Amino acid sequence: MSDLPDELAAKERALRDRLRASGRLLVAFSGGVDSSYLASVAHAALGEGALAVTAVSPSYPASHRRMAEQVVREFGIPHRFVETREMESADYRANRSDRCYHCKSELFAVLGALRDELGFDAVAYGINTDDRGDFRPGHRAAAERGVLSPFLDVGLSKQEIRALSRSIGLPTADLPASACLSSRLPYGTEVTPERLAQVEEGEERLRALGFRQVRLRHHGELARIEIDRAELPRALDPAVAQAIVAAVKPLGFRYVSLDLEGYRTGSLNEVLFVDFSAEPG
């Protein structure tokens, strides 16, 4: 770690100290950038006193599961899968602006029960300082259940987590931003397994066409495709655009559109008029 900038190396040391002080720790682990680094550094700091736990449900993409399995295999991290049942909650399926609160409440309830069953001391998850700039009702659920947020405690940003991940060889270091499949449904559109499956398959097909950062936003009969702005010129090529339509339309969409603003995090939150600074954390 000696080749890290001094400030980042200091944060890394502070993070390890924070994790050691937490006692035996369950880490909410999705296989994304943040949770993969948290699981790895917790394992380095605590050994068998850290357990990465991955919640499986219809909103969890198979591609994330494959990456989670790769990370724990390559880094020797103790790990287990659990099932969460947020789909059984009418509040979750209703897909109001607090959907993530109900999802995270279920997740942290399951992890809290597992913590008590196994005799662990705490649960932690990988929210970082950049996440405070978006609407994050899930953080309220974490705060209510006493879930630790070590990256916030030491002030780590997404780019710093990527740099730390790169320094230890994590395959997630340069992964595109990711989120659960339900985040592709506009607020007010009911979350169903069928819609989530359409989104997942559509995004898999778009990645198979060579696009790296994509979102398929599900607007009923319309699939609105967001692609990273650097990749938009290729997507606008008539032949490639036709390939996109041919890949996505058969999944049950009447229309396929390309969003000319390109991919941006949390675009479906643009309809909300929220003072983000009022959110916990």
Protein backbone atom coordinates (compact mmCIF):
# COMPACT_ATOMS: atom_id res chain seq x y z
CA MET A 1 0.00 0.00 0.00
CA SER A 2 3.08 2.29 0.17
CA ASP A 3 2.53 3.63 -3.36
CA LEU A 4 -0.77 5.25 -2.33
CA PRO A 5 -0.91 9.02 -1.87
CA ASP A 6 -0.33 9.93 1.78
CA GLU A 7 -3.90 11.13 2.37
CA LEU A 8 -5.42 8.00 0.89
CA ALA A 9 -3.01 5.73 2.77
CA ALA A 10 -4.04 7.49 5.99
CA LYS A 11 -7.71 6.87 5.21
CA GLU A 12 -6.97 3.21 4.49
CA ARG A 13 -5.27 2.83 7.87
CA ALA A 14 -8.14 4.61 9.59
CA LEU A 15 -10.59 2.28 7.86
CA ARG A 16 -8.76 -0.82 9.07
CA ASP A 17 -8.69 0.60 12.59
CA ARG A 18 -12.40 1.34 12.38
CA LEU A 19 -13.15 -2.20 11.23
CA ARG A 20 -10.99 -3.79 13.94
CA ALA A 21 -12.88 -1.75 16.54
CA SER A 22 -16.22 -3.04 15.25
CA GLY A 23 -15.66 -6.60 16.47
CA ARG A 24 -16.98 -9.57 14.50
CA LEU A 25 -18.56 -8.09 11.41
CA LEU A 26 -21.13 -9.05 8.76
CA VAL A 27 -20.61 -7.15 5.50
CA ALA A 28 -23.52 -6.56 3.12
CA PHE A 29 -21.88 -7.69 -0.12
CA SER A 30 -23.40 -7.32 -3.58
CA GLY A 31 -20.28 -7.81 -5.71
CA GLY A 32 -20.17 -4.15 -6.73
CA VAL A 33 -17.24 -1.74 -6.38
CA ASP A 34 -17.91 -0.52 -2.85
CA SER A 35 -19.05 -3.71 -1.15
CA SER A 36 -16.26 -5.74 -2.74
CA TYR A 37 -13.61 -3.45 -1.31
CA LEU A 38 -15.34 -3.36 2.07
CA ALA A 39 -15.54 -7.15 2.20
CA SER A 40 -11.88 -7.46 1.18
CA VAL A 41 -10.50 -4.95 3.66
CA ALA A 42 -12.72 -6.33 6.44
CA HIS A 43 -11.33 -9.79 5.75
CA ALA A 44 -7.79 -8.41 5.79
CA ALA A 45 -8.42 -6.64 9.10
CA LEU A 46 -10.54 -9.26 10.88
CA GLY A 47 -9.81 -12.60 9.21
CA GLU A 48 -12.52 -15.10 10.11
CA GLY A 49 -14.15 -12.36 12.15
CA ALA A 50 -15.59 -10.91 8.93
CA LEU A 51 -18.29 -12.60 6.88
CA ALA A 52 -19.51 -11.27 3.52
CA VAL A 53 -23.24 -11.87 3.01
CA THR A 54 -25.00 -11.57 -0.33
CA ALA A 55 -28.77 -11.13 -0.46
CA VAL A 56 -30.50 -12.86 -3.36
CA SER A 57 -33.88 -11.71 -4.69
CA PRO A 58 -35.51 -11.01 -8.08
CA SER A 59 -33.96 -7.51 -8.11
CA TYR A 60 -30.40 -8.87 -7.82
CA PRO A 61 -28.80 -9.33 -11.26
CA ALA A 62 -27.13 -12.62 -12.15
CA SER A 63 -24.10 -10.67 -13.39
CA HIS A 64 -23.60 -9.27 -9.87
CA ARG A 65 -23.81 -12.75 -8.40
CA ARG A 66 -21.11 -13.99 -10.79
CA MET A 67 -18.82 -11.15 -9.77
CA ALA A 68 -19.51 -11.70 -6.06
CA GLU A 69 -18.58 -15.37 -6.44
CA GLN A 70 -15.38 -14.45 -8.28
CA VAL A 71 -14.29 -11.95 -5.62
CA VAL A 72 -14.78 -14.27 -2.63
CA ARG A 73 -13.12 -17.14 -4.52
CA GLU A 74 -10.05 -15.15 -5.53
CA PHE A 75 -9.60 -13.41 -2.17
CA GLY A 76 -10.58 -16.26 0.12
CA ILE A 77 -13.30 -14.25 1.84
CA PRO A 78 -15.76 -16.16 4.06
CA HIS A 79 -19.13 -15.80 2.40
CA ARG A 80 -22.71 -16.95 2.30
CA PHE A 81 -25.92 -16.21 0.39
CA VAL A 82 -29.21 -15.38 2.05
CA GLU A 83 -32.65 -14.72 0.58
CA THR A 84 -34.53 -11.49 1.12
CA ARG A 85 -38.27 -11.14 0.58
CA GLU A 86 -38.82 -7.50 -0.24
CA MET A 87 -41.08 -8.58 -3.11
CA GLU A 88 -43.60 -9.72 -0.50
CA SER A 89 -43.93 -6.14 0.76
CA ALA A 90 -46.74 -4.11 -0.82
CA ASP A 91 -44.81 -0.94 0.05
CA TYR A 92 -41.82 -2.16 -1.91
CA ARG A 93 -43.82 -3.31 -4.93
CA ALA A 94 -45.72 0.00 -5.03
CA ASN A 95 -42.40 1.61 -6.02
CA ARG A 96 -42.89 4.97 -4.40
CA SER A 97 -39.90 7.25 -3.83
CA ASP A 98 -39.10 5.39 -0.59
CA ARG A 99 -38.77 1.99 -2.30
CA CYS A 100 -35.11 1.69 -1.27
CA TYR A 101 -36.07 2.24 2.34
CA HIS A 102 -38.31 -0.84 2.29
CA CYS A 103 -35.69 -2.88 0.43
CA LYS A 104 -32.88 -1.96 2.82
CA SER A 105 -35.15 -2.47 5.83
CA GLU A 106 -35.70 -6.06 4.71
CA LEU A 107 -32.01 -6.55 3.96
CA PHE A 108 -30.83 -5.24 7.31
CA ALA A 109 -33.51 -7.16 9.17
CA VAL A 110 -32.26 -10.39 7.58
CA LEU A 111 -28.62 -9.50 8.24
CA GLY A 112 -29.41 -8.45 11.80
CA ALA A 113 -31.06 -11.80 12.48
CA LEU A 114 -28.05 -13.60 10.98
CA ARG A 115 -25.68 -11.47 13.07
CA ASP A 116 -27.49 -12.53 16.24
CA GLU A 117 -27.70 -16.17 15.16
CA LEU A 118 -23.96 -16.41 14.46
CA GLY A 119 -22.83 -14.30 17.41
CA PHE A 120 -21.39 -11.44 15.38
CA ASP A 121 -21.22 -7.90 16.75
CA ALA A 122 -22.26 -5.63 13.89
CA VAL A 123 -23.39 -5.24 10.29
CA ALA A 124 -21.71 -2.85 7.84
CA TYR A 125 -22.42 -1.68 4.31
CA GLY A 126 -20.56 0.25 1.65
CA ILE A 127 -22.18 3.67 1.30
CA ASN A 128 -19.53 6.26 0.41
CA THR A 129 -19.30 10.05 0.54
CA ASP A 130 -20.46 10.49 -3.07
CA ASP A 131 -23.72 8.69 -2.28
CA ARG A 132 -24.80 11.56 -0.07
CA GLY A 133 -25.33 13.67 -3.20
CA ASP A 134 -28.29 11.55 -4.36
CA PHE A 135 -31.60 10.53 -2.81
CA ARG A 136 -30.75 7.61 -0.49
CA PRO A 137 -33.71 6.56 1.69
CA GLY A 138 -31.91 3.25 2.20
CA HIS A 139 -29.42 5.06 4.43
CA ARG A 140 -32.28 5.93 6.78
CA ALA A 141 -33.05 2.21 7.10
CA ALA A 142 -29.39 1.55 7.90
CA ALA A 143 -29.32 4.26 10.55
CA GLU A 144 -32.49 2.94 12.17
CA ARG A 145 -30.94 -0.51 12.57
CA GLY A 146 -27.51 0.63 13.69
CA VAL A 147 -25.76 -0.57 10.55
CA LEU A 148 -22.19 0.71 10.29
CA SER A 149 -21.02 2.83 7.36
CA PRO A 150 -17.20 2.66 7.61
CA PHE A 151 -16.51 4.54 4.36
CA LEU A 152 -18.47 7.53 5.62
CA ASP A 153 -16.66 7.35 8.95
CA VAL A 154 -13.28 7.83 7.28
CA GLY A 155 -14.45 10.02 4.37
CA LEU A 156 -13.86 7.70 1.41
CA SER A 157 -15.24 8.66 -2.00
CA LYS A 158 -16.07 6.36 -4.91
CA GLN A 159 -12.89 7.25 -6.79
CA GLU A 160 -10.78 6.62 -3.70
CA ILE A 161 -12.46 3.23 -3.23
CA ARG A 162 -11.68 2.43 -6.87
CA ALA A 163 -8.04 3.41 -6.31
CA LEU A 164 -7.79 1.26 -3.18
CA SER A 165 -9.46 -1.64 -5.00
CA ARG A 166 -6.97 -1.30 -7.83
CA SER A 167 -4.06 -1.33 -5.39
CA ILE A 168 -5.03 -4.80 -4.12
CA GLY A 169 -6.03 -6.22 -7.51
CA LEU A 170 -9.80 -6.41 -7.08
CA PRO A 171 -11.54 -7.21 -10.40
CA THR A 172 -14.29 -4.75 -9.43
CA ALA A 173 -12.00 -1.69 -9.38
CA ASP A 174 -13.12 -0.36 -12.75
CA LEU A 175 -16.61 -1.83 -12.94
CA PRO A 176 -19.31 0.57 -14.16
CA ALA A 177 -21.66 1.95 -11.54
CA SER A 178 -24.36 -0.55 -10.66
CA ALA A 179 -27.66 -0.68 -8.81
CA CYS A 180 -30.51 -3.09 -8.24
CA LEU A 181 -32.82 -3.86 -11.14
CA SER A 182 -35.78 -2.12 -9.48
CA SER A 183 -33.99 1.21 -9.94
CA ARG A 184 -34.81 0.95 -13.66
CA LEU A 185 -38.56 1.30 -13.03
CA PRO A 186 -40.01 4.82 -12.73
CA TYR A 187 -41.63 5.62 -9.41
CA GLY A 188 -45.24 4.48 -9.41
CA THR A 189 -44.59 1.58 -11.79
CA GLU A 190 -45.21 -1.62 -9.82
CA VAL A 191 -42.15 -3.76 -9.26
CA THR A 192 -42.83 -7.25 -10.62
CA PRO A 193 -40.52 -10.20 -11.33
CA GLU A 194 -41.54 -10.04 -15.00
CA ARG A 195 -40.47 -6.41 -15.39
CA LEU A 196 -37.22 -7.02 -13.58
CA ALA A 197 -36.50 -9.97 -15.88
CA GLN A 198 -37.15 -7.78 -18.94
CA VAL A 199 -34.69 -5.19 -17.65
CA GLU A 200 -32.01 -7.73 -16.79
CA GLU A 201 -32.19 -9.54 -20.11
CA GLY A 202 -32.28 -6.27 -22.04
CA GLU A 203 -29.16 -4.96 -20.34
CA GLU A 204 -27.37 -8.27 -20.88
CA ARG A 205 -28.17 -8.01 -24.59
CA LEU A 206 -26.94 -4.42 -24.75
CA ARG A 207 -23.67 -5.38 -23.10
CA ALA A 208 -23.37 -8.21 -25.60
CA LEU A 209 -23.47 -5.53 -28.31
CA GLY A 210 -20.33 -4.06 -26.76
CA PHE A 211 -21.75 -1.28 -24.58
CA ARG A 212 -20.12 -0.99 -21.18
CA GLN A 213 -22.26 1.46 -19.18
CA VAL A 214 -25.96 0.99 -19.93
CA ARG A 215 -29.36 1.27 -18.29
CA LEU A 216 -32.68 0.05 -19.63
CA ARG A 217 -35.35 2.25 -18.06
CA HIS A 218 -38.70 0.43 -18.16
CA HIS A 219 -41.57 2.77 -19.09
CA GLY A 220 -44.27 0.19 -19.79
CA GLU A 221 -44.36 -0.33 -23.56
CA LEU A 222 -41.31 1.92 -23.95
CA ALA A 223 -37.72 0.90 -23.24
CA ARG A 224 -35.60 4.03 -22.75
CA ILE A 225 -31.94 3.20 -23.20
CA GLU A 226 -29.26 5.22 -21.43
CA ILE A 227 -25.71 4.68 -22.70
CA ASP A 228 -22.56 6.39 -21.49
CA ARG A 229 -22.02 9.60 -23.43
CA ALA A 230 -18.66 8.42 -24.69
CA GLU A 231 -20.44 5.47 -26.31
CA LEU A 232 -23.38 7.45 -27.75
CA PRO A 233 -21.81 8.16 -31.17
CA ARG A 234 -21.56 4.42 -31.82
CA ALA A 235 -25.12 3.86 -30.62
CA LEU A 236 -26.36 6.51 -33.07
CA ASP A 237 -24.88 4.70 -36.04
CA PRO A 238 -27.96 3.49 -37.97
CA ALA A 239 -26.80 -0.12 -38.13
CA VAL A 240 -26.00 -0.22 -34.41
CA ALA A 241 -29.26 1.52 -33.53
CA GLN A 242 -31.12 -1.16 -35.48
CA ALA A 243 -29.21 -3.85 -33.60
CA ILE A 244 -30.29 -2.25 -30.32
CA VAL A 245 -33.93 -2.32 -31.41
CA ALA A 246 -33.62 -5.92 -32.58
CA ALA A 247 -32.11 -6.92 -29.22
CA VAL A 248 -34.57 -5.14 -26.93
CA LYS A 249 -37.94 -4.97 -28.68
CA PRO A 250 -38.65 -8.73 -28.65
CA LEU A 251 -38.54 -8.68 -24.84
CA GLY A 252 -42.05 -7.23 -24.86
CA PHE A 253 -41.57 -3.55 -25.66
CA ARG A 254 -43.53 -1.73 -28.35
CA TYR A 255 -41.06 1.14 -28.58
CA VAL A 256 -37.30 1.47 -28.03
CA SER A 257 -35.76 4.91 -27.55
CA LEU A 258 -32.21 6.15 -26.99
CA ASP A 259 -31.87 8.88 -24.36
CA LEU A 260 -29.73 11.61 -25.93
CA GLU A 261 -28.61 12.85 -22.50
CA GLY A 262 -26.84 9.53 -22.04
CA TYR A 263 -26.34 7.56 -18.86
CA ARG A 264 -26.44 9.41 -15.56
CA THR A 265 -26.74 8.04 -12.05
CA GLY A 266 -30.23 8.19 -10.58
CA SER A 267 -31.92 9.68 -13.63
CA LEU A 268 -35.31 8.49 -12.38
CA ASN A 269 -34.81 10.69 -9.31
CA GLU A 270 -34.99 13.74 -11.57
CA VAL A 271 -38.76 13.78 -11.05
CA LEU A 272 -38.27 14.26 -7.31
CA PHE A 273 -37.85 17.68 -5.77
CA VAL A 274 -35.86 16.66 -2.72
CA ASP A 275 -33.44 18.51 -0.50
CA PHE A 276 -30.76 15.82 -0.41
CA SER A 277 -28.97 17.61 2.40
CA ALA A 278 -31.92 16.73 4.64
CA GLU A 279 -31.26 13.00 4.28
CA PRO A 280 -29.44 11.29 7.18
CA GLY A 281 -25.68 11.11 6.76
